[in-house]
Amino acid sequence: MEDETDSFQVTAPLWLWRPDKPGTAAWHFVTVDAQTATEIRYAALGRTGGFGSVRVSARIGRTSWQTSLFPHRESGGFLLPMKADVRKREGIAAGDEVTVMLTV
């Protein structure tokens, strides 16, 4: 049975990162705040990947998927990449505030 302490709710805006190189694909992210990231790091002790990434199950609304969180130096938190399929299913776009359930 999954321990409740391994689940985290994050509410934050969805934002669009555009690379400096023209013709390169843009990416959508949600930033996981530093406090929540600290708790996630503790829950994931011994189970982190390259560059400090953490494998999680994510859910927005009725859509669930497997992904990784990536350290975000500027905020001290994590970045959660948002797949186009998830954005389409849930009808969300850059600038929308979203609530994500993350399970480590």
N, C-alpha and C. Protein backbone atom coordinates (compact mmCIF):
# COMPACT_ATOMS: atom_id res chain seq x y z
N MET A 1 0.84 -1.18 0.00
CA MET A 1 0.00 0.00 0.00
C MET A 1 0.88 1.24 0.00
N GLU A 2 0.51 2.24 -0.77
CA GLU A 2 1.29 3.44 -0.92
C GLU A 2 1.16 4.34 0.30
N ASP A 3 2.27 4.86 0.80
CA ASP A 3 2.28 5.75 1.96
C ASP A 3 1.81 7.13 1.52
N GLU A 4 0.87 7.71 2.26
CA GLU A 4 0.34 9.03 1.92
C GLU A 4 1.42 10.09 1.89
N THR A 5 2.48 9.94 2.67
CA THR A 5 3.53 10.94 2.70
C THR A 5 4.32 10.98 1.39
N ASP A 6 4.10 10.02 0.53
CA ASP A 6 4.79 10.01 -0.76
C ASP A 6 4.00 10.71 -1.85
N SER A 7 2.87 11.34 -1.51
CA SER A 7 2.06 12.07 -2.47
C SER A 7 2.08 13.55 -2.13
N PHE A 8 2.16 14.37 -3.16
CA PHE A 8 2.30 15.81 -2.99
C PHE A 8 1.39 16.54 -3.97
N GLN A 9 0.69 17.55 -3.49
CA GLN A 9 -0.16 18.36 -4.36
C GLN A 9 0.55 19.68 -4.63
N VAL A 10 0.62 20.05 -5.89
CA VAL A 10 1.27 21.29 -6.30
C VAL A 10 0.29 22.09 -7.15
N THR A 11 0.12 23.36 -6.82
CA THR A 11 -0.69 24.26 -7.65
C THR A 11 0.22 25.39 -8.09
N ALA A 12 0.35 25.55 -9.40
CA ALA A 12 1.26 26.55 -9.96
C ALA A 12 0.87 26.81 -11.41
N PRO A 13 1.33 27.92 -11.97
CA PRO A 13 1.03 28.19 -13.38
C PRO A 13 1.83 27.28 -14.32
N LEU A 14 1.20 26.94 -15.43
CA LEU A 14 1.88 26.23 -16.52
C LEU A 14 2.58 27.31 -17.34
N TRP A 15 3.86 27.10 -17.62
CA TRP A 15 4.59 28.11 -18.39
C TRP A 15 5.33 27.49 -19.56
N LEU A 16 5.64 28.32 -20.51
CA LEU A 16 6.26 27.90 -21.77
C LEU A 16 7.69 28.38 -21.81
N TRP A 17 8.61 27.44 -22.00
CA TRP A 17 10.01 27.79 -22.20
C TRP A 17 10.29 27.73 -23.69
N ARG A 18 10.84 28.82 -24.19
CA ARG A 18 11.22 28.87 -25.61
C ARG A 18 12.74 28.97 -25.70
N PRO A 19 13.34 28.05 -26.43
CA PRO A 19 14.80 28.11 -26.58
C PRO A 19 15.22 29.31 -27.41
N ASP A 20 16.48 29.69 -27.26
CA ASP A 20 17.02 30.84 -28.00
C ASP A 20 17.20 30.54 -29.48
N LYS A 21 17.25 29.26 -29.84
CA LYS A 21 17.49 28.89 -31.23
C LYS A 21 16.17 28.82 -32.00
N PRO A 22 16.01 29.61 -33.05
CA PRO A 22 14.79 29.53 -33.86
C PRO A 22 14.63 28.12 -34.46
N GLY A 23 13.41 27.67 -34.54
CA GLY A 23 13.13 26.36 -35.13
C GLY A 23 13.24 25.22 -34.14
N THR A 24 13.61 25.51 -32.89
CA THR A 24 13.71 24.48 -31.86
C THR A 24 12.40 24.43 -31.09
N ALA A 25 11.96 23.24 -30.74
CA ALA A 25 10.68 23.06 -30.06
C ALA A 25 10.67 23.73 -28.69
N ALA A 26 9.51 24.25 -28.32
CA ALA A 26 9.31 24.83 -26.99
C ALA A 26 8.79 23.75 -26.06
N TRP A 27 8.95 23.95 -24.76
CA TRP A 27 8.53 22.99 -23.75
C TRP A 27 7.64 23.68 -22.73
N HIS A 28 6.66 22.96 -22.21
CA HIS A 28 5.78 23.47 -21.16
C HIS A 28 6.19 22.82 -19.83
N PHE A 29 6.17 23.63 -18.76
CA PHE A 29 6.55 23.14 -17.43
C PHE A 29 5.64 23.70 -16.35
N VAL A 30 5.61 22.99 -15.24
CA VAL A 30 5.09 23.51 -13.98
C VAL A 30 6.28 23.48 -13.03
N THR A 31 6.48 24.56 -12.28
CA THR A 31 7.57 24.60 -11.31
C THR A 31 7.05 24.13 -9.96
N VAL A 32 7.72 23.13 -9.41
CA VAL A 32 7.43 22.64 -8.07
C VAL A 32 8.25 23.49 -7.10
N ASP A 33 7.59 24.14 -6.14
CA ASP A 33 8.26 25.06 -5.23
C ASP A 33 9.35 24.37 -4.41
N ALA A 34 10.26 25.17 -3.86
CA ALA A 34 11.42 24.65 -3.15
C ALA A 34 11.04 23.82 -1.92
N GLN A 35 10.04 24.25 -1.15
CA GLN A 35 9.64 23.51 0.05
C GLN A 35 9.12 22.13 -0.31
N THR A 36 8.23 22.06 -1.31
CA THR A 36 7.70 20.77 -1.74
C THR A 36 8.80 19.91 -2.33
N ALA A 37 9.72 20.54 -3.07
CA ALA A 37 10.84 19.80 -3.66
C ALA A 37 11.70 19.16 -2.57
N THR A 38 11.91 19.86 -1.47
CA THR A 38 12.68 19.30 -0.35
C THR A 38 12.00 18.05 0.19
N GLU A 39 10.68 18.11 0.33
CA GLU A 39 9.92 16.95 0.82
C GLU A 39 9.98 15.79 -0.17
N ILE A 40 9.92 16.10 -1.45
CA ILE A 40 10.00 15.07 -2.49
C ILE A 40 11.38 14.42 -2.48
N ARG A 41 12.42 15.24 -2.36
CA ARG A 41 13.78 14.70 -2.31
C ARG A 41 13.93 13.72 -1.14
N TYR A 42 13.36 14.08 0.00
CA TYR A 42 13.42 13.20 1.17
C TYR A 42 12.67 11.89 0.90
N ALA A 43 11.48 11.99 0.30
CA ALA A 43 10.69 10.79 -0.01
C ALA A 43 11.40 9.89 -1.03
N ALA A 44 12.23 10.50 -1.88
CA ALA A 44 12.89 9.75 -2.96
C ALA A 44 14.32 9.35 -2.62
N LEU A 45 14.73 9.49 -1.37
CA LEU A 45 16.11 9.13 -0.99
C LEU A 45 16.47 7.75 -1.52
N GLY A 46 17.61 7.68 -2.20
CA GLY A 46 18.07 6.40 -2.73
C GLY A 46 17.42 6.01 -4.05
N ARG A 47 16.51 6.83 -4.54
CA ARG A 47 15.80 6.50 -5.79
C ARG A 47 15.86 7.64 -6.79
N THR A 48 16.92 8.42 -6.76
CA THR A 48 17.03 9.51 -7.72
C THR A 48 17.83 9.06 -8.94
N GLY A 49 17.59 9.75 -10.04
CA GLY A 49 18.27 9.42 -11.29
C GLY A 49 19.36 10.43 -11.60
N GLY A 50 19.79 10.41 -12.84
CA GLY A 50 20.81 11.34 -13.30
C GLY A 50 20.41 12.78 -13.08
N PHE A 51 21.37 13.61 -12.77
CA PHE A 51 21.16 15.05 -12.56
C PHE A 51 20.20 15.34 -11.40
N GLY A 52 19.95 14.38 -10.53
CA GLY A 52 19.05 14.60 -9.41
C GLY A 52 17.58 14.49 -9.77
N SER A 53 17.29 13.88 -10.92
CA SER A 53 15.89 13.71 -11.33
C SER A 53 15.18 12.71 -10.43
N VAL A 54 13.87 12.84 -10.33
CA VAL A 54 13.06 11.96 -9.50
C VAL A 54 11.89 11.44 -10.33
N ARG A 55 11.76 10.11 -10.42
CA ARG A 55 10.64 9.50 -11.14
C ARG A 55 9.37 9.66 -10.31
N VAL A 56 8.28 10.09 -10.97
CA VAL A 56 7.00 10.27 -10.28
C VAL A 56 5.85 9.83 -11.17
N SER A 57 4.73 9.56 -10.52
CA SER A 57 3.45 9.45 -11.21
C SER A 57 2.80 10.80 -11.03
N ALA A 58 2.25 11.35 -12.09
CA ALA A 58 1.62 12.67 -12.03
C ALA A 58 0.16 12.53 -12.47
N ARG A 59 -0.70 13.39 -11.91
CA ARG A 59 -2.11 13.39 -12.30
C ARG A 59 -2.64 14.80 -12.27
N ILE A 60 -3.27 15.17 -13.36
CA ILE A 60 -4.03 16.42 -13.45
C ILE A 60 -5.42 16.02 -13.88
N GLY A 61 -6.41 16.40 -13.11
CA GLY A 61 -7.78 16.01 -13.44
C GLY A 61 -7.90 14.51 -13.55
N ARG A 62 -8.33 14.04 -14.72
CA ARG A 62 -8.50 12.60 -14.94
C ARG A 62 -7.32 11.97 -15.68
N THR A 63 -6.30 12.76 -15.96
CA THR A 63 -5.16 12.29 -16.75
C THR A 63 -3.96 11.97 -15.85
N SER A 64 -3.47 10.73 -15.93
CA SER A 64 -2.29 10.30 -15.17
C SER A 64 -1.20 9.88 -16.14
N TRP A 65 0.05 10.09 -15.74
CA TRP A 65 1.17 9.67 -16.56
C TRP A 65 2.41 9.52 -15.69
N GLN A 66 3.41 8.82 -16.22
CA GLN A 66 4.70 8.62 -15.57
C GLN A 66 5.69 9.61 -16.18
N THR A 67 6.48 10.24 -15.34
CA THR A 67 7.45 11.22 -15.82
C THR A 67 8.56 11.38 -14.80
N SER A 68 9.42 12.34 -15.00
CA SER A 68 10.47 12.68 -14.04
C SER A 68 10.42 14.16 -13.74
N LEU A 69 10.77 14.50 -12.51
CA LEU A 69 10.98 15.88 -12.11
C LEU A 69 12.46 16.17 -12.27
N PHE A 70 12.78 17.40 -12.70
CA PHE A 70 14.17 17.77 -12.90
C PHE A 70 14.52 18.97 -12.03
N PRO A 71 15.69 18.96 -11.38
CA PRO A 71 16.07 20.08 -10.52
C PRO A 71 16.05 21.40 -11.30
N HIS A 72 15.58 22.45 -10.62
CA HIS A 72 15.51 23.78 -11.21
C HIS A 72 16.35 24.72 -10.34
N ARG A 73 17.52 25.00 -10.80
CA ARG A 73 18.49 25.78 -10.03
C ARG A 73 17.94 27.14 -9.61
N GLU A 74 17.25 27.83 -10.51
CA GLU A 74 16.79 29.18 -10.24
C GLU A 74 15.80 29.25 -9.07
N SER A 75 14.92 28.27 -8.93
CA SER A 75 13.90 28.30 -7.88
C SER A 75 14.26 27.43 -6.68
N GLY A 76 15.22 26.52 -6.86
CA GLY A 76 15.52 25.56 -5.81
C GLY A 76 14.52 24.42 -5.77
N GLY A 77 13.59 24.42 -6.70
CA GLY A 77 12.56 23.39 -6.77
C GLY A 77 12.83 22.39 -7.88
N PHE A 78 11.76 21.91 -8.47
CA PHE A 78 11.83 20.98 -9.60
C PHE A 78 11.03 21.54 -10.76
N LEU A 79 11.33 21.06 -11.95
CA LEU A 79 10.50 21.31 -13.13
C LEU A 79 9.76 20.03 -13.49
N LEU A 80 8.47 20.16 -13.72
CA LEU A 80 7.63 19.05 -14.17
C LEU A 80 7.29 19.33 -15.63
N PRO A 81 7.84 18.55 -16.57
CA PRO A 81 7.49 18.75 -17.98
C PRO A 81 6.05 18.31 -18.24
N MET A 82 5.34 19.07 -19.06
CA MET A 82 3.94 18.78 -19.37
C MET A 82 3.81 18.38 -20.83
N LYS A 83 3.48 17.12 -21.04
CA LYS A 83 3.32 16.59 -22.39
C LYS A 83 2.15 17.25 -23.10
N ALA A 84 2.27 17.37 -24.42
CA ALA A 84 1.19 17.94 -25.23
C ALA A 84 -0.09 17.15 -25.06
N ASP A 85 0.02 15.83 -24.98
CA ASP A 85 -1.15 14.97 -24.83
C ASP A 85 -1.91 15.30 -23.54
N VAL A 86 -1.20 15.53 -22.46
CA VAL A 86 -1.83 15.87 -21.18
C VAL A 86 -2.51 17.23 -21.29
N ARG A 87 -1.81 18.21 -21.88
CA ARG A 87 -2.39 19.55 -22.03
C ARG A 87 -3.66 19.51 -22.85
N LYS A 88 -3.65 18.72 -23.93
CA LYS A 88 -4.84 18.61 -24.78
C LYS A 88 -5.99 17.92 -24.05
N ARG A 89 -5.71 16.81 -23.37
CA ARG A 89 -6.76 16.07 -22.65
C ARG A 89 -7.43 16.91 -21.58
N GLU A 90 -6.64 17.73 -20.89
CA GLU A 90 -7.16 18.52 -19.78
C GLU A 90 -7.53 19.95 -20.17
N GLY A 91 -7.30 20.30 -21.43
CA GLY A 91 -7.68 21.63 -21.91
C GLY A 91 -6.94 22.76 -21.22
N ILE A 92 -5.64 22.57 -21.01
CA ILE A 92 -4.84 23.59 -20.33
C ILE A 92 -3.79 24.15 -21.28
N ALA A 93 -3.38 25.39 -21.00
CA ALA A 93 -2.39 26.06 -21.84
C ALA A 93 -1.49 26.92 -20.97
N ALA A 94 -0.40 27.39 -21.55
CA ALA A 94 0.53 28.25 -20.83
C ALA A 94 -0.23 29.41 -20.19
N GLY A 95 0.10 29.68 -18.92
CA GLY A 95 -0.56 30.75 -18.18
C GLY A 95 -1.67 30.25 -17.27
N ASP A 96 -2.19 29.05 -17.54
CA ASP A 96 -3.23 28.48 -16.68
C ASP A 96 -2.63 27.97 -15.38
N GLU A 97 -3.34 28.20 -14.28
CA GLU A 97 -2.91 27.62 -13.01
C GLU A 97 -3.45 26.20 -12.95
N VAL A 98 -2.57 25.25 -12.65
CA VAL A 98 -2.97 23.84 -12.61
C VAL A 98 -2.64 23.24 -11.26
N THR A 99 -3.39 22.23 -10.88
CA THR A 99 -3.11 21.46 -9.67
C THR A 99 -2.70 20.06 -10.09
N VAL A 100 -1.53 19.66 -9.65
CA VAL A 100 -0.95 18.38 -10.02
C VAL A 100 -0.73 17.56 -8.75
N MET A 101 -1.12 16.29 -8.81
CA MET A 101 -0.80 15.34 -7.74
C MET A 101 0.43 14.56 -8.18
N LEU A 102 1.46 14.56 -7.37
CA LEU A 102 2.69 13.84 -7.67
C LEU A 102 2.89 12.74 -6.64
N THR A 103 3.21 11.55 -7.11
CA THR A 103 3.47 10.43 -6.22
C THR A 103 4.86 9.89 -6.53
N VAL A 104 5.69 9.83 -5.49
CA VAL A 104 7.07 9.35 -5.64
C VAL A 104 7.07 7.85 -5.51
